[in-house]
Amino acid sequence: MKENSYLYEKIRKIDNDELRPLFHFTAPVGWINDPNGLIHYKNYCQLYYQYNPYAPHWDNMHWGHARSKDGLHWEDMPIAMKPDHEYDKTGVFSGSAIEKDGKLYVLYTGHVDENGQITETQCVAVSDDGVDFKKYENNPVMTVADLPGETDDSNFRDPKVFKHGDKYYCVVAAALEKHGSLVLFESDDLLHWSFKSVLLQGEEYGIMTECPDYFNINGQDYLAFSVILGDGRNSVVYLAKGHMDWQNFKFKLEEQHRLDDSDDFYASQSFVDEKDNRIIIPWLRSADHVNYLEESGHLWNGMMGIPRMLTTINGQLIQKPIGTINDMSLSDSQDIDLGSYKLTEEIPIDHSLILKGDNGEIHITRKKEDQYVIEIHSPVFIKTVSWHPDNHKLTLVIDNSSFELFSQSKTLSIVTFVAGIKQAMLKKVN
């Protein structure tokens, strides 16, 4: 293991890449997307992820693996699973993990593409140590044949497993009646599964849902899930607040909104840490420039967002970045390091907080009482985003190539490609 860690660290430094984040997880080389199998197991936060180790673009997916004691400093681990069986031969797609009798069980999607004919099924693998996995001999354990109505073999994926009472449950994304849906399965042993119900379905969920997540915080039930909207629109992540009726296996929706206000935030998954905190990690991708890093000669592509602790205040779900958060006062000019900062005062109306980097700038301008305009001036694009936070003492997470803003229940996460931010200054604007 030490030899692998040494090699991975050396690989990371070979390209001397100024765009590589300092504390957001990236793979040593290659492409990453969805976080998978998040769990606290064997005294580590275990992060598995969708991974193409051979090039910085999407291709036949493996499960990469890293682990951490604090969620910020990661140790690269050997690849956990690769596409090597008939039922997953063109992709070990996304999934989740749960501990049972000391063993780690993962449920994942087996993806098969036979000359454009795609089939997706749900499969199981088991590990004694979180490193080496053995795939279940009777895979797959769930197929579209288990679902009601009009189904689609190519759109049935991303199982999220959890326990309720003495049963195991799994929320899976599916396309039913040509619309995105979330379905629920039940099991006694994690190996034999039966369909229970459709939790969500409708036109508002586009042509397909992805990466569903169920969790309960302070007695409140939530479903978080990604949505492929179609018609050329970027995919987004929704948070559905409601009540899970466990007698009838129905989710009673109360309200629904974006989990993050940026299209760069996607495929989030949550887990419970060793202190019983609910932590969520998204994949950050540049939705409009997803291939820029490969096309400009970089060895890596894709990063994880800062892990966020989820709590509730007055019925609102609150996201807060983990780790040390330093105070930042507003002044004409100050030197800063990459890291997390909480503003000690509000940005005045008609003022900009400007973050200056080696290759670009980020402007946070307060236009009105409740309206901010975020401008990204990067070597790749100039982007302007209007944002309406619900608290004005903002928290900023600043890293190479990424910028995340937190108010109270509102967040905004942007892949910027701006590197080496070292200065912050407040400026009045016309």
Protein backbone atom coordinates (compact mmCIF):
# COMPACT_ATOMS: atom_id res chain seq x y z
CA MET A 1 0.00 0.00 0.00
CA LYS A 2 2.84 2.40 0.84
CA GLU A 3 4.39 1.75 -2.57
CA ASN A 4 1.10 2.58 -4.30
CA SER A 5 0.70 5.79 -2.29
CA TYR A 6 4.24 6.85 -3.21
CA LEU A 7 3.63 6.21 -6.90
CA TYR A 8 0.27 7.99 -6.94
CA GLU A 9 1.77 11.04 -5.23
CA LYS A 10 4.64 11.10 -7.71
CA ILE A 11 2.19 10.83 -10.63
CA ARG A 12 0.22 13.81 -9.30
CA LYS A 13 3.35 15.95 -9.34
CA ILE A 14 4.66 14.92 -12.76
CA ASP A 15 2.61 17.43 -14.72
CA ASN A 16 3.10 20.30 -12.19
CA ASP A 17 -0.47 21.28 -13.07
CA GLU A 18 -1.53 24.65 -11.67
CA LEU A 19 -5.18 23.85 -12.36
CA ARG A 20 -5.25 20.76 -10.15
CA PRO A 21 -7.17 21.46 -6.91
CA LEU A 22 -5.28 21.48 -3.65
CA PHE A 23 -7.94 19.96 -1.37
CA HIS A 24 -10.73 18.79 -3.68
CA PHE A 25 -10.23 15.14 -4.57
CA THR A 26 -8.99 14.33 -8.08
CA ALA A 27 -7.67 11.03 -9.41
CA PRO A 28 -3.90 10.79 -10.07
CA VAL A 29 -4.63 10.46 -13.79
CA GLY A 30 -7.73 9.89 -15.90
CA TRP A 31 -11.39 10.79 -15.77
CA ILE A 32 -13.67 10.70 -12.71
CA ASN A 33 -17.35 11.36 -12.26
CA ASP A 34 -19.96 10.18 -9.71
CA PRO A 35 -18.92 9.49 -6.10
CA ASN A 36 -19.90 5.90 -5.26
CA GLY A 37 -20.16 3.74 -2.16
CA LEU A 38 -19.58 6.53 0.37
CA ILE A 39 -19.34 5.00 3.82
CA HIS A 40 -17.38 5.19 7.06
CA TYR A 41 -15.82 1.71 7.24
CA LYS A 42 -12.68 0.32 8.91
CA ASN A 43 -12.01 3.72 10.56
CA TYR A 44 -11.87 5.58 7.23
CA CYS A 45 -14.20 7.57 5.04
CA GLN A 46 -14.26 5.35 1.96
CA LEU A 47 -14.74 7.12 -1.36
CA TYR A 48 -15.30 5.02 -4.45
CA TYR A 49 -15.89 6.80 -7.72
CA GLN A 50 -16.60 6.36 -11.41
CA TYR A 51 -13.20 6.14 -13.04
CA ASN A 52 -11.54 5.76 -16.42
CA PRO A 53 -7.86 5.30 -15.51
CA TYR A 54 -6.70 5.26 -19.13
CA ALA A 55 -7.60 8.76 -20.34
CA PRO A 56 -9.11 12.06 -19.12
CA HIS A 57 -12.47 11.38 -20.80
CA TRP A 58 -15.48 9.19 -20.06
CA ASP A 59 -15.19 5.56 -21.19
CA ASN A 60 -15.75 2.05 -19.79
CA MET A 61 -16.21 2.76 -16.10
CA HIS A 62 -14.24 1.24 -13.23
CA TRP A 63 -14.66 1.91 -9.51
CA GLY A 64 -11.71 3.99 -8.32
CA HIS A 65 -11.04 4.17 -4.59
CA ALA A 66 -9.60 6.60 -2.05
CA ARG A 67 -9.91 6.87 1.70
CA SER A 68 -9.55 9.63 4.26
CA LYS A 69 -9.53 10.27 7.98
CA ASP A 70 -10.92 13.81 7.65
CA GLY A 71 -12.62 14.07 4.24
CA LEU A 72 -10.01 16.55 3.00
CA HIS A 73 -6.74 14.62 2.80
CA TRP A 74 -7.09 11.51 0.66
CA GLU A 75 -5.04 8.35 0.29
CA ASP A 76 -5.23 6.75 -3.15
CA MET A 77 -6.14 3.08 -3.07
CA PRO A 78 -6.05 0.35 -5.75
CA ILE A 79 -8.92 0.20 -8.25
CA ALA A 80 -11.81 -1.54 -6.48
CA MET A 81 -13.72 -3.03 -9.44
CA LYS A 82 -13.35 -3.23 -13.18
CA PRO A 83 -15.73 -4.30 -15.98
CA ASP A 84 -14.89 -8.00 -16.22
CA HIS A 85 -18.15 -10.01 -16.22
CA GLU A 86 -20.82 -10.51 -18.88
CA TYR A 87 -23.31 -8.40 -16.90
CA ASP A 88 -20.92 -5.41 -16.46
CA LYS A 89 -18.46 -5.86 -19.33
CA THR A 90 -18.71 -2.28 -20.62
CA GLY A 91 -19.06 -0.51 -17.31
CA VAL A 92 -19.16 -0.91 -13.54
CA PHE A 93 -21.55 2.00 -13.11
CA SER A 94 -22.55 3.93 -9.99
CA GLY A 95 -23.80 2.48 -6.74
CA SER A 96 -23.58 2.56 -2.97
CA ALA A 97 -22.33 0.64 0.06
CA ILE A 98 -23.54 -0.72 3.38
CA GLU A 99 -21.91 -2.72 6.16
CA LYS A 100 -23.39 -6.05 7.23
CA ASP A 101 -21.76 -8.45 9.70
CA GLY A 102 -18.44 -6.66 9.32
CA LYS A 103 -18.39 -7.06 5.56
CA LEU A 104 -18.83 -4.28 3.02
CA TYR A 105 -21.62 -4.88 0.51
CA VAL A 106 -21.82 -2.67 -2.57
CA LEU A 107 -24.72 -2.48 -4.96
CA TYR A 108 -23.83 -1.14 -8.38
CA THR A 109 -25.11 -1.00 -11.94
CA GLY A 110 -23.76 -3.43 -14.49
CA HIS A 111 -23.71 -1.69 -17.87
CA VAL A 112 -23.59 -3.64 -21.14
CA ASP A 113 -23.45 -1.99 -24.56
CA GLU A 114 -23.76 -4.49 -27.40
CA ASN A 115 -23.40 -2.46 -30.60
CA GLY A 116 -25.63 0.29 -29.23
CA GLN A 117 -28.08 -2.05 -27.51
CA ILE A 118 -27.74 -1.08 -23.84
CA THR A 119 -28.83 -3.13 -20.83
CA GLU A 120 -28.48 -2.00 -17.22
CA THR A 121 -28.95 -4.27 -14.21
CA GLN A 122 -28.19 -4.03 -10.49
CA CYS A 123 -25.42 -6.18 -9.06
CA VAL A 124 -23.72 -6.97 -5.73
CA ALA A 125 -20.08 -7.26 -4.68
CA VAL A 126 -18.71 -8.02 -1.21
CA SER A 127 -15.44 -7.17 0.55
CA ASP A 128 -13.85 -8.07 3.88
CA ASP A 129 -11.60 -5.00 3.91
CA GLY A 130 -13.05 -2.40 1.51
CA VAL A 131 -10.16 -2.98 -0.89
CA ASP A 132 -10.66 -6.35 -2.59
CA PHE A 133 -14.16 -7.15 -3.85
CA LYS A 134 -15.78 -10.39 -4.98
CA LYS A 135 -18.80 -10.08 -7.25
CA TYR A 136 -21.86 -12.12 -6.29
CA GLU A 137 -22.13 -15.35 -8.27
CA ASN A 138 -25.84 -14.85 -8.97
CA ASN A 139 -25.62 -11.30 -10.35
CA PRO A 140 -27.64 -9.43 -11.46
CA VAL A 141 -30.04 -9.10 -8.53
CA MET A 142 -32.45 -6.53 -10.05
CA THR A 143 -33.55 -6.06 -13.68
CA VAL A 144 -36.13 -3.96 -15.54
CA ALA A 145 -38.31 -7.08 -15.64
CA ASP A 146 -39.02 -6.34 -11.96
CA LEU A 147 -40.53 -2.92 -12.79
CA PRO A 148 -44.12 -1.98 -13.68
CA GLY A 149 -45.37 -0.30 -16.86
CA GLU A 150 -43.32 0.81 -19.85
CA THR A 151 -39.64 0.35 -19.06
CA ASP A 152 -36.33 1.01 -20.77
CA ASP A 153 -33.48 -1.53 -20.55
CA SER A 154 -30.93 1.25 -21.04
CA ASN A 155 -32.17 3.47 -18.19
CA PHE A 156 -32.18 1.59 -14.89
CA ARG A 157 -29.23 2.44 -12.64
CA ASP A 158 -27.46 3.88 -9.58
CA PRO A 159 -28.84 1.89 -6.60
CA LYS A 160 -28.66 3.62 -3.19
CA VAL A 161 -28.91 1.06 -0.38
CA PHE A 162 -29.92 1.75 3.23
CA LYS A 163 -31.50 -0.04 6.19
CA HIS A 164 -34.86 0.76 7.78
CA GLY A 165 -36.05 -1.37 10.66
CA ASP A 166 -34.92 -4.93 10.06
CA LYS A 167 -35.08 -4.68 6.25
CA TYR A 168 -32.76 -3.37 3.57
CA TYR A 169 -34.03 -0.98 0.93
CA CYS A 170 -32.69 0.36 -2.31
CA VAL A 171 -33.75 3.45 -4.26
CA VAL A 172 -32.96 3.08 -7.97
CA ALA A 173 -33.26 5.49 -10.89
CA ALA A 174 -35.38 4.33 -13.83
CA ALA A 175 -37.21 5.58 -16.90
CA LEU A 176 -40.88 4.59 -16.64
CA GLU A 177 -43.45 5.65 -19.21
CA LYS A 178 -40.62 7.64 -20.88
CA HIS A 179 -40.10 9.84 -17.79
CA GLY A 180 -37.53 9.94 -15.02
CA SER A 181 -38.60 7.95 -11.96
CA LEU A 182 -37.35 6.68 -8.62
CA VAL A 183 -38.29 3.15 -7.57
CA LEU A 184 -37.95 1.27 -4.28
CA PHE A 185 -36.79 -2.32 -3.69
CA GLU A 186 -36.70 -4.38 -0.47
CA SER A 187 -34.46 -7.21 0.76
CA ASP A 188 -33.86 -9.37 3.83
CA ASP A 189 -30.23 -10.20 2.99
CA LEU A 190 -28.92 -7.70 0.36
CA LEU A 191 -28.86 -10.52 -2.23
CA HIS A 192 -32.54 -11.16 -3.02
CA TRP A 193 -34.61 -8.11 -3.90
CA SER A 194 -38.28 -7.43 -4.61
CA PHE A 195 -39.90 -4.34 -6.13
CA LYS A 196 -42.07 -2.35 -3.70
CA SER A 197 -43.18 0.93 -5.28
CA VAL A 198 -42.60 3.96 -7.48
CA LEU A 199 -41.56 6.83 -5.20
CA LEU A 200 -41.43 9.68 -7.74
CA GLN A 201 -42.34 9.91 -11.41
CA GLY A 202 -43.32 12.63 -13.86
CA GLU A 203 -42.47 14.98 -16.71
CA GLU A 204 -40.63 17.35 -14.35
CA TYR A 205 -38.00 14.61 -13.93
CA GLY A 206 -37.00 14.77 -17.56
CA ILE A 207 -36.13 11.73 -19.63
CA MET A 208 -34.19 10.01 -16.82
CA THR A 209 -33.20 10.34 -13.19
CA GLU A 210 -29.75 9.38 -11.87
CA CYS A 211 -27.85 8.90 -8.61
CA PRO A 212 -30.78 8.86 -6.15
CA ASP A 213 -30.19 9.25 -2.42
CA TYR A 214 -32.56 8.77 0.51
CA PHE A 215 -31.86 10.11 4.01
CA ASN A 216 -33.66 11.26 7.13
CA ILE A 217 -32.48 14.19 9.25
CA ASN A 218 -34.28 15.08 12.49
CA GLY A 219 -37.35 13.09 11.46
CA GLN A 220 -37.60 14.70 8.02
CA ASP A 221 -37.33 12.50 4.91
CA TYR A 222 -35.44 13.60 1.81
CA LEU A 223 -34.77 12.29 -1.67
CA ALA A 224 -31.86 13.86 -3.54
CA PHE A 225 -31.41 12.90 -7.18
CA SER A 226 -29.99 14.04 -10.48
CA VAL A 227 -32.21 14.68 -13.50
CA ILE A 228 -31.41 14.44 -17.21
CA LEU A 229 -33.77 17.12 -18.50
CA GLY A 230 -33.12 16.55 -22.22
CA ASP A 231 -33.69 18.99 -25.09
CA GLY A 232 -30.12 20.25 -24.83
CA ARG A 233 -30.51 21.46 -21.23
CA ASN A 234 -27.86 20.74 -18.62
CA SER A 235 -28.67 18.03 -16.09
CA VAL A 236 -29.33 19.21 -12.52
CA VAL A 237 -29.77 17.90 -8.97
CA TYR A 238 -33.06 18.16 -7.09
CA LEU A 239 -33.86 17.83 -3.40
CA ALA A 240 -37.34 16.49 -2.57
CA LYS A 241 -38.55 17.05 0.97
CA GLY A 242 -41.42 14.89 2.15
CA HIS A 243 -42.63 12.01 4.29
CA MET A 244 -41.91 8.34 3.67
CA ASP A 245 -44.96 6.19 4.40
CA TRP A 246 -43.33 2.87 5.30
CA GLN A 247 -46.63 1.02 5.56
CA ASN A 248 -47.58 1.73 1.96
CA PHE A 249 -44.06 2.42 0.61
CA LYS A 250 -45.03 5.82 -0.74
CA PHE A 251 -43.13 9.11 -0.63
CA LYS A 252 -45.45 12.05 0.08
CA LEU A 253 -43.80 15.05 -1.56
CA GLU A 254 -44.01 18.36 0.33
CA GLU A 255 -41.62 20.60 -1.60
CA GLN A 256 -38.85 20.35 -4.15
CA HIS A 257 -36.01 22.58 -5.33
CA ARG A 258 -32.44 22.53 -6.62
CA LEU A 259 -29.90 21.11 -4.18
CA ASP A 260 -27.28 23.50 -5.58
CA ASP A 261 -27.87 26.44 -7.91
CA SER A 262 -25.11 25.54 -10.37
CA ASP A 263 -25.21 23.06 -13.24
CA ASP A 264 -21.60 22.12 -12.37
CA PHE A 265 -22.85 20.31 -9.21
CA TYR A 266 -23.98 16.76 -10.04
CA ALA A 267 -24.42 13.16 -8.89
CA SER A 268 -24.17 13.87 -5.15
CA GLN A 269 -24.24 11.04 -2.60
CA SER A 270 -24.43 11.15 1.20
CA PHE A 271 -23.29 8.96 4.08
CA VAL A 272 -23.09 9.06 7.89
CA ASP A 273 -19.63 9.70 9.36
CA GLU A 274 -18.14 8.34 12.58
CA LYS A 275 -19.79 11.16 14.58
CA ASP A 276 -23.23 10.38 13.11
CA ASN A 277 -23.17 13.49 10.90
CA ARG A 278 -24.82 13.31 7.49
CA ILE A 279 -22.15 14.24 4.91
CA ILE A 280 -22.78 14.79 1.21
CA ILE A 281 -20.21 14.86 -1.61
CA PRO A 282 -20.98 15.90 -5.22
CA TRP A 283 -19.08 15.47 -8.44
CA LEU A 284 -18.01 18.86 -9.81
CA ARG A 285 -17.79 19.01 -13.60
CA SER A 286 -17.70 21.97 -15.94
CA ALA A 287 -21.10 21.34 -17.51
CA ASP A 288 -20.38 23.56 -20.53
CA HIS A 289 -16.66 22.75 -20.92
CA VAL A 290 -16.48 19.12 -19.85
CA ASN A 291 -13.68 18.24 -22.29
CA TYR A 292 -11.49 21.30 -21.77
CA LEU A 293 -8.90 19.61 -19.55
CA GLU A 294 -8.30 16.75 -21.98
CA GLU A 295 -8.25 19.03 -25.02
CA SER A 296 -5.67 21.29 -23.35
CA GLY A 297 -3.33 18.41 -22.48
CA HIS A 298 -4.05 17.80 -18.79
CA LEU A 299 -3.72 14.29 -17.36
CA TRP A 300 -6.82 14.47 -15.13
CA ASN A 301 -10.47 15.49 -15.52
CA GLY A 302 -13.17 15.86 -12.86
CA MET A 303 -13.13 16.52 -9.12
CA MET A 304 -15.25 15.96 -6.04
CA GLY A 305 -16.88 18.92 -4.35
CA ILE A 306 -16.00 19.86 -0.80
CA PRO A 307 -17.74 17.42 1.59
CA ARG A 308 -20.70 19.21 3.20
CA MET A 309 -22.39 18.53 6.53
CA LEU A 310 -26.19 18.48 6.32
CA THR A 311 -28.30 19.80 9.18
CA THR A 312 -31.73 21.38 9.50
CA ILE A 313 -32.77 24.76 10.91
CA ASN A 314 -36.48 25.61 11.11
CA GLY A 315 -37.26 22.87 8.61
CA GLN A 316 -34.66 24.06 6.09
CA LEU A 317 -31.83 21.79 4.97
CA ILE A 318 -28.51 23.53 5.62
CA GLN A 319 -25.20 22.69 3.91
CA LYS A 320 -21.91 23.61 5.55
CA PRO A 321 -18.44 22.75 4.24
CA ILE A 322 -16.39 20.53 6.53
CA GLY A 323 -12.94 21.48 7.80
CA THR A 324 -11.46 24.70 9.11
CA ILE A 325 -13.28 27.88 8.09
CA ASN A 326 -11.30 31.07 8.62
CA ASP A 327 -12.79 34.53 9.05
CA MET A 328 -12.43 37.01 6.18
CA SER A 329 -13.02 40.71 6.76
CA LEU A 330 -13.79 43.05 3.89
CA SER A 331 -10.96 45.44 3.10
CA ASP A 332 -9.43 47.26 0.15
CA SER A 333 -6.91 44.47 -0.34
CA GLN A 334 -5.65 41.43 1.57
CA ASP A 335 -3.51 38.38 0.88
CA ILE A 336 -5.26 35.01 1.23
CA ASP A 337 -4.50 31.32 0.78
CA LEU A 338 -6.62 28.64 -0.83
CA GLY A 339 -9.16 27.42 1.71
CA SER A 340 -12.55 28.12 3.30
CA TYR A 341 -13.58 31.55 4.58
CA LYS A 342 -16.63 33.04 6.28
CA LEU A 343 -17.23 36.74 5.67
CA THR A 344 -17.41 38.62 8.95
CA GLU A 345 -19.69 41.22 7.38
CA GLU A 346 -22.05 41.54 4.45
CA ILE A 347 -20.86 42.71 1.05
CA PRO A 348 -22.44 46.17 0.68
CA ILE A 349 -24.85 46.80 -2.18
CA ASP A 350 -23.03 48.06 -5.32
CA HIS A 351 -19.75 46.53 -4.17
CA SER A 352 -17.71 43.62 -5.49
CA LEU A 353 -15.49 41.22 -3.60
CA ILE A 354 -12.79 40.38 -6.14
CA LEU A 355 -10.64 37.25 -5.85
CA LYS A 356 -7.49 37.57 -7.93
CA GLY A 357 -5.70 34.49 -9.24
CA ASP A 358 -2.67 33.76 -11.38
CA ASN A 359 -4.77 33.28 -14.51
CA GLY A 360 -8.10 34.96 -13.78
CA GLU A 361 -10.50 36.55 -11.33
CA ILE A 362 -13.79 35.87 -9.57
CA HIS A 363 -16.12 38.81 -8.83
CA ILE A 364 -18.92 38.53 -6.26
CA THR A 365 -21.07 41.63 -6.77
CA ARG A 366 -24.07 42.53 -4.64
CA LYS A 367 -26.47 44.25 -7.01
CA LYS A 368 -29.53 44.46 -4.79
CA GLU A 369 -30.54 43.51 -1.27
CA ASP A 370 -31.11 39.87 -2.28
CA GLN A 371 -29.31 39.61 -5.63
CA TYR A 372 -25.67 38.80 -6.31
CA VAL A 373 -23.92 38.46 -9.64
CA ILE A 374 -21.00 36.05 -9.78
CA GLU A 375 -18.58 36.68 -12.63
CA ILE A 376 -15.87 34.17 -13.52
CA HIS A 377 -13.03 35.54 -15.66
CA SER A 378 -11.03 32.42 -16.49
CA PRO A 379 -8.72 31.39 -19.35
CA VAL A 380 -11.54 29.19 -20.65
CA PHE A 381 -14.63 31.41 -20.42
CA ILE A 382 -16.27 34.48 -18.96
CA LYS A 383 -19.37 33.39 -17.08
CA THR A 384 -22.01 35.45 -15.27
CA VAL A 385 -24.41 33.85 -12.80
CA SER A 386 -27.22 35.58 -10.91
CA TRP A 387 -27.67 34.20 -7.40
CA HIS A 388 -30.16 34.84 -4.60
CA PRO A 389 -28.78 33.62 -1.24
CA ASP A 390 -30.90 33.53 1.92
CA ASN A 391 -28.10 34.73 4.23
CA HIS A 392 -25.60 37.46 3.43
CA LYS A 393 -22.64 36.50 5.61
CA LEU A 394 -21.38 34.15 2.97
CA THR A 395 -18.94 31.25 3.26
CA LEU A 396 -16.46 30.89 0.38
CA VAL A 397 -14.53 27.73 -0.50
CA ILE A 398 -11.65 28.70 -2.79
CA ASP A 399 -9.44 26.15 -4.54
CA ASN A 400 -7.65 25.81 -7.84
CA SER A 401 -10.29 25.40 -10.59
CA SER A 402 -13.25 25.51 -8.21
CA PHE A 403 -15.30 28.00 -6.23
CA GLU A 404 -18.16 27.16 -3.86
CA LEU A 405 -20.47 29.63 -2.12
CA PHE A 406 -22.63 28.84 0.91
CA SER A 407 -25.31 31.02 2.47
CA GLN A 408 -27.80 29.18 4.68
CA SER A 409 -29.88 26.78 2.61
CA LYS A 410 -28.52 28.04 -0.73
CA THR A 411 -25.24 26.98 -2.35
CA LEU A 412 -23.50 27.68 -5.64
CA SER A 413 -20.62 25.49 -6.92
CA ILE A 414 -18.67 26.42 -10.04
CA VAL A 415 -15.74 24.84 -11.86
CA THR A 416 -13.73 27.96 -12.73
CA PHE A 417 -10.31 26.86 -14.07
CA VAL A 418 -8.98 29.87 -12.16
CA ALA A 419 -5.78 28.95 -10.30
CA GLY A 420 -3.57 30.41 -7.60
CA ILE A 421 -5.99 32.85 -5.95
CA LYS A 422 -3.88 34.88 -3.52
CA GLN A 423 -5.63 38.23 -3.13
CA ALA A 424 -9.09 39.47 -2.11
CA MET A 425 -10.22 43.07 -2.45
CA LEU A 426 -13.46 44.99 -1.98
CA LYS A 427 -14.33 47.51 -4.68
CA LYS A 428 -17.29 49.84 -5.25
CA VAL A 429 -18.95 49.40 -8.65
CA ASN A 430 -21.09 51.78 -10.69
